[in-house]
C-alpha atoms as a PDB file:
ATOM      1  CA  UNK A   1      66.985 112.174 112.890  1.00  0.00           C
ATOM      2  CA  UNK A   2      70.555 112.397 113.902  1.00  0.00           C
ATOM      3  CA  UNK A   3      72.740 109.500 115.569  1.00  0.00           C
ATOM      4  CA  UNK A   4      72.414 109.387 119.430  1.00  0.00           C
ATOM      5  CA  UNK A   5      75.542 107.383 120.855  1.00  0.00           C
ATOM      6  CA  UNK A   6      73.606 107.104 124.221  1.00  0.00           C
ATOM      7  CA  UNK A   7      71.101 104.517 122.474  1.00  0.00           C
ATOM      8  CA  UNK A   8      74.026 102.467 120.212  1.00  0.00           C
ATOM      9  CA  UNK A   9      74.645  99.525 122.754  1.00  0.00           C
ATOM     10  CA  UNK A  10      77.586  97.674 122.222  1.00  0.00           C
ATOM     11  CA  UNK A  11      77.030  93.887 122.694  1.00  0.00           C
ATOM     12  CA  UNK A  12      80.150  92.406 121.432  1.00  0.00           C
ATOM     13  CA  UNK A  13      83.787  93.647 121.102  1.00  0.00           C
ATOM     14  CA  UNK A  14      86.894  92.116 120.267  1.00  0.00           C
ATOM     15  CA  UNK A  15      90.295  93.412 118.547  1.00  0.00           C
ATOM     16  CA  UNK A  16      93.330  92.042 116.456  1.00  0.00           C
ATOM     17  CA  UNK A  17      96.480  94.264 116.212  1.00  0.00           C
ATOM     18  CA  UNK A  18     100.153  94.612 114.717  1.00  0.00           C
ATOM     19  CA  UNK A  19     102.629  97.025 115.354  1.00  0.00           C
ATOM     20  CA  UNK A  20     100.700  99.633 112.656  1.00  0.00           C
ATOM     21  CA  UNK A  21      97.009  99.166 113.462  1.00  0.00           C
ATOM     22  CA  UNK A  22      93.819  97.779 115.102  1.00  0.00           C
ATOM     23  CA  UNK A  23      91.081  96.047 113.854  1.00  0.00           C
ATOM     24  CA  UNK A  24      87.853  95.982 115.931  1.00  0.00           C
ATOM     25  CA  UNK A  25      85.108  93.636 115.282  1.00  0.00           C
ATOM     26  CA  UNK A  26      81.843  94.657 117.139  1.00  0.00           C
ATOM     27  CA  UNK A  27      78.079  93.650 117.209  1.00  0.00           C
ATOM     28  CA  UNK A  28      75.849  96.577 118.220  1.00  0.00           C
ATOM     29  CA  UNK A  29      72.182  97.208 118.265  1.00  0.00           C
ATOM     30  CA  UNK A  30      71.044 100.926 118.096  1.00  0.00           C
ATOM     31  CA  UNK A  31      67.614 101.612 120.164  1.00  0.00           C
ATOM     32  CA  UNK A  32      67.355  97.881 120.351  1.00  0.00           C
ATOM     33  CA  UNK A  33      66.970  97.011 116.825  1.00  0.00           C
ATOM     34  CA  UNK A  34      68.688  94.311 114.648  1.00  0.00           C
ATOM     35  CA  UNK A  35      71.985  93.174 116.007  1.00  0.00           C
ATOM     36  CA  UNK A  36      74.367  94.399 113.262  1.00  0.00           C
ATOM     37  CA  UNK A  37      78.459  93.480 112.845  1.00  0.00           C
ATOM     38  CA  UNK A  38      80.834  96.652 112.495  1.00  0.00           C
ATOM     39  CA  UNK A  39      84.649  96.084 111.501  1.00  0.00           C
ATOM     40  CA  UNK A  40      86.976  99.446 112.104  1.00  0.00           C
ATOM     41  CA  UNK A  41      90.486 100.111 111.696  1.00  0.00           C
ATOM     42  CA  UNK A  42      92.213 102.193 114.126  1.00  0.00           C
ATOM     43  CA  UNK A  43      95.722 102.925 112.965  1.00  0.00           C
ATOM     44  CA  UNK A  44      98.466 103.692 115.570  1.00  0.00           C
ATOM     45  CA  UNK A  45      99.847 107.282 115.233  1.00  0.00           C
ATOM     46  CA  UNK A  46     102.521 108.737 116.672  1.00  0.00           C
ATOM     47  CA  UNK A  47     103.020 107.810 120.578  1.00  0.00           C
ATOM     48  CA  UNK A  48     101.063 104.643 119.654  1.00  0.00           C
ATOM     49  CA  UNK A  49      97.944 106.423 119.677  1.00  0.00           C
ATOM     50  CA  UNK A  50      94.974 104.663 117.951  1.00  0.00           C
ATOM     51  CA  UNK A  51      92.871 106.871 115.559  1.00  0.00           C
ATOM     52  CA  UNK A  52      89.801 105.966 113.414  1.00  0.00           C
ATOM     53  CA  UNK A  53      90.122 105.300 109.347  1.00  0.00           C
ATOM     54  CA  UNK A  54      87.931 103.841 106.967  1.00  0.00           C
ATOM     55  CA  UNK A  55      88.241 100.197 106.968  1.00  0.00           C
ATOM     56  CA  UNK A  56      89.150  99.843 103.208  1.00  0.00           C
ATOM     57  CA  UNK A  57      90.986  96.725 101.747  1.00  0.00           C
ATOM     58  CA  UNK A  58      92.274  94.043 104.127  1.00  0.00           C
ATOM     59  CA  UNK A  59      95.478  92.184 103.560  1.00  0.00           C
ATOM     60  CA  UNK A  60      95.694  88.557 104.032  1.00  0.00           C
ATOM     61  CA  UNK A  61      97.484  89.149 107.149  1.00  0.00           C
ATOM     62  CA  UNK A  62      94.789  91.300 108.582  1.00  0.00           C
ATOM     63  CA  UNK A  63      91.968  89.031 107.181  1.00  0.00           C
ATOM     64  CA  UNK A  64      93.678  85.800 108.921  1.00  0.00           C
ATOM     65  CA  UNK A  65      93.788  88.042 112.018  1.00  0.00           C
ATOM     66  CA  UNK A  66      90.118  88.819 112.144  1.00  0.00           C
ATOM     67  CA  UNK A  67      88.565  86.109 110.547  1.00  0.00           C
ATOM     68  CA  UNK A  68      88.253  84.000 114.216  1.00  0.00           C
ATOM     69  CA  UNK A  69      86.731  87.441 115.607  1.00  0.00           C
ATOM     70  CA  UNK A  70      84.104  87.313 112.952  1.00  0.00           C
ATOM     71  CA  UNK A  71      83.314  83.937 113.500  1.00  0.00           C
ATOM     72  CA  UNK A  72      82.919  84.450 117.323  1.00  0.00           C
ATOM     73  CA  UNK A  73      80.613  87.496 116.228  1.00  0.00           C
ATOM     74  CA  UNK A  74      78.575  85.186 113.961  1.00  0.00           C
ATOM     75  CA  UNK A  75      77.802  82.831 116.993  1.00  0.00           C
ATOM     76  CA  UNK A  76      76.526  85.897 119.186  1.00  0.00           C
ATOM     77  CA  UNK A  77      74.309  86.957 116.326  1.00  0.00           C
ATOM     78  CA  UNK A  78      72.492  83.823 117.241  1.00  0.00           C
END
C-alpha cells in the first residue's frame, strides 16, 4: 500500500529556526490512526529556501530550541 498524503492529517506544527536551518516538530495522524510526533530538518539553501533533509544528530543549540516544542507536542498527545 502506497502512502497517500490526502489522509495524513497534521494536528500540530511548530518550528524553531536559526540562520542555517529550520527544525519542525509536528503531530500527525494517518487515516485517523494513532497520533505520532515527527521532527524534520529543513536546511536553508541559496536564496533562503528550505529543503528537506534527514534529521540526523542534533547540536545542543538545536535540542534546546526544540525541547519546548517537544514538551508542547507531548501535551497535545493527551
